[in-house]
Protein backbone atom coordinates (compact mmCIF):
# COMPACT_ATOMS: atom_id res chain seq x y z
CA MET A 1 122.36 109.43 118.44
CA THR A 2 119.06 109.54 120.33
CA THR A 3 116.09 107.36 119.36
CA THR A 4 112.52 108.15 120.39
CA ASP A 5 109.66 105.69 119.96
CA THR A 6 106.23 107.24 119.41
CA GLU A 7 102.88 105.82 120.51
CA PHE A 8 102.21 104.72 116.94
CA VAL A 9 100.04 101.61 116.56
CA GLN A 10 99.33 100.21 113.09
CA VAL A 11 95.65 99.25 112.89
CA ASP A 12 94.40 96.32 110.83
CA GLU A 13 92.10 98.29 108.54
CA LEU A 14 91.44 101.91 107.59
CA PHE A 15 88.70 103.30 105.34
CA ILE A 16 89.34 106.02 102.78
CA GLU A 17 86.26 108.22 103.23
CA ASP A 18 86.82 111.33 101.08
CA LEU A 19 87.77 112.17 97.51
CA GLU A 20 90.90 114.11 98.42
CA THR A 21 92.41 111.15 100.25
CA LEU A 22 91.43 108.87 97.36
CA LYS A 23 93.21 111.17 94.90
CA VAL A 24 96.29 111.24 97.13
CA VAL A 25 96.64 107.46 97.23
CA ALA A 26 95.66 106.99 93.56
CA ASP A 27 99.05 108.20 92.40
CA PRO A 28 101.55 105.64 91.04
CA LEU A 29 104.52 106.95 93.03
CA ARG A 30 102.56 107.33 96.25
CA LEU A 31 101.14 103.82 95.84
CA GLN A 32 104.72 102.53 95.73
CA ILE A 33 105.62 104.50 98.85
CA VAL A 34 102.61 103.04 100.69
CA GLU A 35 103.63 99.52 99.66
CA ILE A 36 107.20 100.03 100.88
CA MET A 37 106.03 101.39 104.23
CA GLY A 38 103.43 98.67 104.71
CA GLU A 39 105.49 96.09 106.56
CA HIS A 40 108.23 98.06 108.32
CA PRO A 41 109.07 101.70 109.17
CA HIS A 42 111.22 103.52 106.61
CA THR A 43 112.95 106.87 106.52
CA VAL A 44 112.57 109.07 103.45
CA LYS A 45 116.15 108.23 102.51
CA GLN A 46 115.47 104.48 102.73
CA VAL A 47 112.39 104.84 100.53
CA GLY A 48 114.45 106.82 98.03
CA GLN A 49 117.04 104.05 97.89
CA LYS A 50 114.37 101.46 97.08
CA LEU A 51 112.80 103.66 94.40
CA ASP A 52 116.14 104.91 93.07
CA LEU A 53 115.03 108.49 93.66
CA PRO A 54 116.60 111.33 95.66
CA ALA A 55 114.89 112.05 98.99
CA SER A 56 114.23 115.63 97.83
CA LYS A 57 111.71 114.29 95.28
CA LEU A 58 109.79 112.34 97.94
CA TYR A 59 109.15 114.83 100.73
CA TYR A 60 106.13 116.39 98.99
CA HIS A 61 104.50 112.99 98.49
CA ILE A 62 105.28 111.75 102.00
CA ASN A 63 103.93 114.95 103.54
CA LEU A 64 100.69 114.47 101.58
CA LEU A 65 100.38 110.84 102.71
CA GLU A 66 100.95 111.85 106.33
CA LYS A 67 98.53 114.80 106.12
CA HIS A 68 95.75 112.49 104.96
CA GLY A 69 96.45 109.86 107.62
CA LEU A 70 97.73 107.17 105.26
CA ILE A 71 101.16 107.00 106.90
CA SER A 72 102.30 107.95 110.40
CA ILE A 73 105.57 108.63 112.19
CA ALA A 74 106.60 105.36 113.84
CA SER A 75 109.80 106.64 115.50
CA THR A 76 112.30 109.50 115.42
CA ARG A 77 115.99 109.74 116.13
CA VAL A 78 118.48 112.59 116.31
CA VAL A 79 121.54 112.11 114.11
CA SER A 80 124.18 114.85 114.23
CA GLY A 81 121.59 117.30 115.52
CA ILE A 82 119.09 116.48 112.77
CA VAL A 83 115.75 114.80 113.53
CA GLU A 84 115.25 111.75 111.32
CA LYS A 85 111.73 110.34 111.08
CA SER A 86 110.70 106.79 110.24
CA TYR A 87 107.24 106.32 108.72
CA GLN A 88 104.90 103.36 108.41
CA THR A 89 101.44 102.93 106.93
CA SER A 90 98.70 103.74 109.42
CA ALA A 91 96.97 100.43 108.66
CA HIS A 92 97.79 96.99 107.33
CA GLN A 93 95.05 97.43 104.75
CA PHE A 94 93.19 100.36 103.22
CA ARG A 95 89.64 100.10 101.92
CA VAL A 96 87.54 102.62 100.02
CA LYS A 97 84.25 103.67 101.61
CA ARG A 98 81.18 102.49 99.78
CA GLY A 99 79.75 105.11 97.48
CA LEU A 100 83.03 106.92 96.92
CA LEU A 101 83.60 105.09 93.64
CA ASN A 102 80.01 105.32 92.39
CA PRO A 103 79.69 106.08 88.66
CA GLY A 104 78.33 109.53 89.48
CA SER A 105 81.29 110.42 91.70
CA ARG A 106 83.66 112.67 89.78
CA SER A 107 86.49 115.02 90.59
CA GLU A 108 88.30 117.62 88.48
CA ASP A 109 90.54 114.83 87.16
CA GLY A 110 87.63 112.72 85.92
CA ASP A 111 85.86 109.57 87.00
CA ASN A 112 86.97 108.57 90.52
CA ALA A 113 86.56 104.84 89.99
CA GLY A 114 88.54 104.95 86.75
CA ILE A 115 91.36 106.99 88.29
CA PHE A 116 91.69 104.65 91.25
CA VAL A 117 91.52 101.41 89.25
CA ASP A 118 93.93 102.69 86.58
CA ALA A 119 96.50 103.75 89.19
CA PHE A 120 96.15 100.45 91.05
CA LEU A 121 96.50 98.28 87.94
CA ASP A 122 99.29 100.39 86.43
CA ASN A 123 101.27 100.04 89.66
CA ALA A 124 100.79 96.26 89.67
CA LYS A 125 101.78 96.01 85.98
CA GLN A 126 104.96 98.02 86.55
CA ASP A 127 105.85 95.94 89.60
CA ILE A 128 105.43 92.69 87.65
CA LYS A 129 107.55 93.96 84.75
CA GLU A 130 110.35 95.07 87.07
CA ASN A 131 110.44 91.73 88.89
CA VAL A 132 110.41 89.78 85.63
CA SER A 133 113.34 91.88 84.35
CA ALA A 134 115.19 91.32 87.63
CA GLY A 135 114.76 87.56 87.26
CA LEU A 136 112.75 87.25 90.47
CA ILE A 137 109.62 86.05 88.68
CA ASP A 138 110.04 82.79 86.80
CA LEU A 139 107.54 82.81 83.95
CA SER A 140 108.35 79.21 83.00
CA GLY A 141 107.49 77.68 86.36
CA GLU A 142 103.80 76.86 86.47
CA GLY A 143 102.63 76.67 90.06
CA SER A 144 106.08 77.68 91.31
CA PRO A 145 106.30 79.98 94.35
CA PHE A 146 108.50 82.14 92.12
CA GLY A 147 106.08 82.02 89.22
CA LEU A 148 103.50 84.54 88.14
CA ASN A 149 100.22 83.05 89.33
CA ILE A 150 97.24 84.89 87.88
CA SER A 151 93.79 83.42 87.54
CA ARG A 152 90.27 84.65 86.93
CA ASN A 153 87.19 82.64 87.85
CA THR A 154 83.51 83.31 88.09
CA ALA A 155 80.97 81.69 90.39
CA ARG A 156 77.26 82.11 91.03
CA LEU A 157 76.76 83.02 94.69
CA THR A 158 74.03 84.42 96.87
CA ILE A 159 74.67 87.76 98.57
CA GLU A 160 75.30 85.90 101.83
CA GLN A 161 77.77 83.49 100.21
CA ALA A 162 79.66 86.35 98.57
CA ALA A 163 79.90 88.19 101.90
CA GLN A 164 81.11 85.01 103.62
CA PHE A 165 83.74 84.45 100.93
CA GLN A 166 85.09 87.99 101.28
CA GLU A 167 85.15 87.73 105.08
CA ARG A 168 87.10 84.45 105.00
CA LEU A 169 89.53 85.84 102.44
CA GLN A 170 90.13 88.97 104.51
CA GLU A 171 90.85 86.85 107.57
CA LEU A 172 93.30 84.72 105.58
CA MET A 173 95.13 87.76 104.27
CA LYS A 174 95.33 89.25 107.77
CA GLU A 175 96.68 85.96 109.13
CA PHE A 176 99.51 85.85 106.61
CA SER A 177 100.25 89.58 106.83
CA HIS A 178 101.04 89.10 110.52
CA HIS A 179 103.89 86.76 109.53
CA SER A 180 105.85 89.88 108.58
CA GLU A 181 105.69 91.35 112.06
CA GLY A 182 108.78 91.31 114.20
CA GLY A 183 111.29 92.01 111.44
CA ALA A 184 112.36 90.28 108.25
CA ASN A 185 113.96 86.85 108.29
CA ALA A 186 116.68 85.77 105.87
CA ASP A 187 114.51 82.93 104.55
CA GLN A 188 111.50 85.15 103.82
CA GLN A 189 110.60 86.54 100.41
CA SER A 190 108.19 89.45 99.93
CA TYR A 191 105.04 88.58 97.96
CA ALA A 192 102.44 90.92 96.52
CA VAL A 193 98.79 89.90 96.73
CA MET A 194 96.22 91.50 94.44
CA PHE A 195 92.61 90.44 94.71
CA ALA A 196 89.41 91.70 93.12
CA MET A 197 85.90 90.42 93.67
CA TYR A 198 82.91 92.03 92.00
CA PRO A 199 79.56 91.16 90.41
CA THR A 200 79.84 90.61 86.67
CA LEU A 201 77.56 90.18 83.68
CA ARG A 202 80.03 87.66 82.27
CA GLY A 203 80.53 84.08 83.34
CA SER A 204 78.20 81.23 84.12
CA ARG A 205 74.57 82.25 83.72
CA PRO A 206 71.73 79.73 83.69
CA PRO A 207 70.44 78.94 80.20
CA GLU A 208 67.10 80.32 79.22
CA SER A 209 64.29 77.86 79.56
CA ASP A 210 63.23 76.07 76.39
CA ASP A 211 59.66 76.26 77.68
CA ALA A 212 59.57 80.03 77.42
CA PRO A 213 56.78 81.11 75.06
CA ASP A 214 57.81 82.52 71.69
CA ASP A 215 57.12 86.17 71.04
CA ASP A 216 54.42 86.62 68.47
C-alpha cells in the first residue's frame, strides 16, 4: 500500500459565485456529503458507510462537488493496484456571493433563494429527526449539551452593529471549528451549528408617536 499526500490546504472561507455551483450544493444528498467531508478527509466508500448508500450511487455527486471546487482530493493511496482517493471540503465554511440570491435571480428550477433555503432547511430537519430517533438528542433536557437548543430573537441594530455582530460570530465559529483539527478524540461529540441573521419586518419596532396628526 502506497500513500501520497497532496498539497491540499483547506481554506477558512470560500464564496459560491455562480448559479451552477449554487445548484450543485443545494441538493440534499450533496449537502450531507459536504457536511461529512467538512472536518476530516473521507473516501467515497467511507461516505457511503455513513449515509448507508453504495459507493456507486455517490461517484456522480462527488465528481460534481469536485468539479465545482467544493471538495478537493486531500490524499491518495494505492491499494491492490487501485488508486483510492480521500476528499475533504475545500473550505471550513462556504458563503454565497451577494446578489446571487436576489429575488430576481432565477434558474430553470425556479427561484434561487428558495431552492437554496429549502435544501438547507430540509437537510437540517432530516438531521435532527435522525438524531432524535437514534437517541442522541435528548428533547427533555432543557439547556443540556445533548438537548435540542433552538431560539429565535430579534434586536434593533444599526448597520454597523449588525456587521460587528456577524464578524464576532464568524470569529467564534472559526475558533471552535479549529478544535476539530488534528483528528477526533474519544471524548469529543460532533455538533451541528445553524445560524441565520437577516433584517425582518417582524419583531420590536418603535411605537408610532401619539403626537402624529390625524388624517383628515
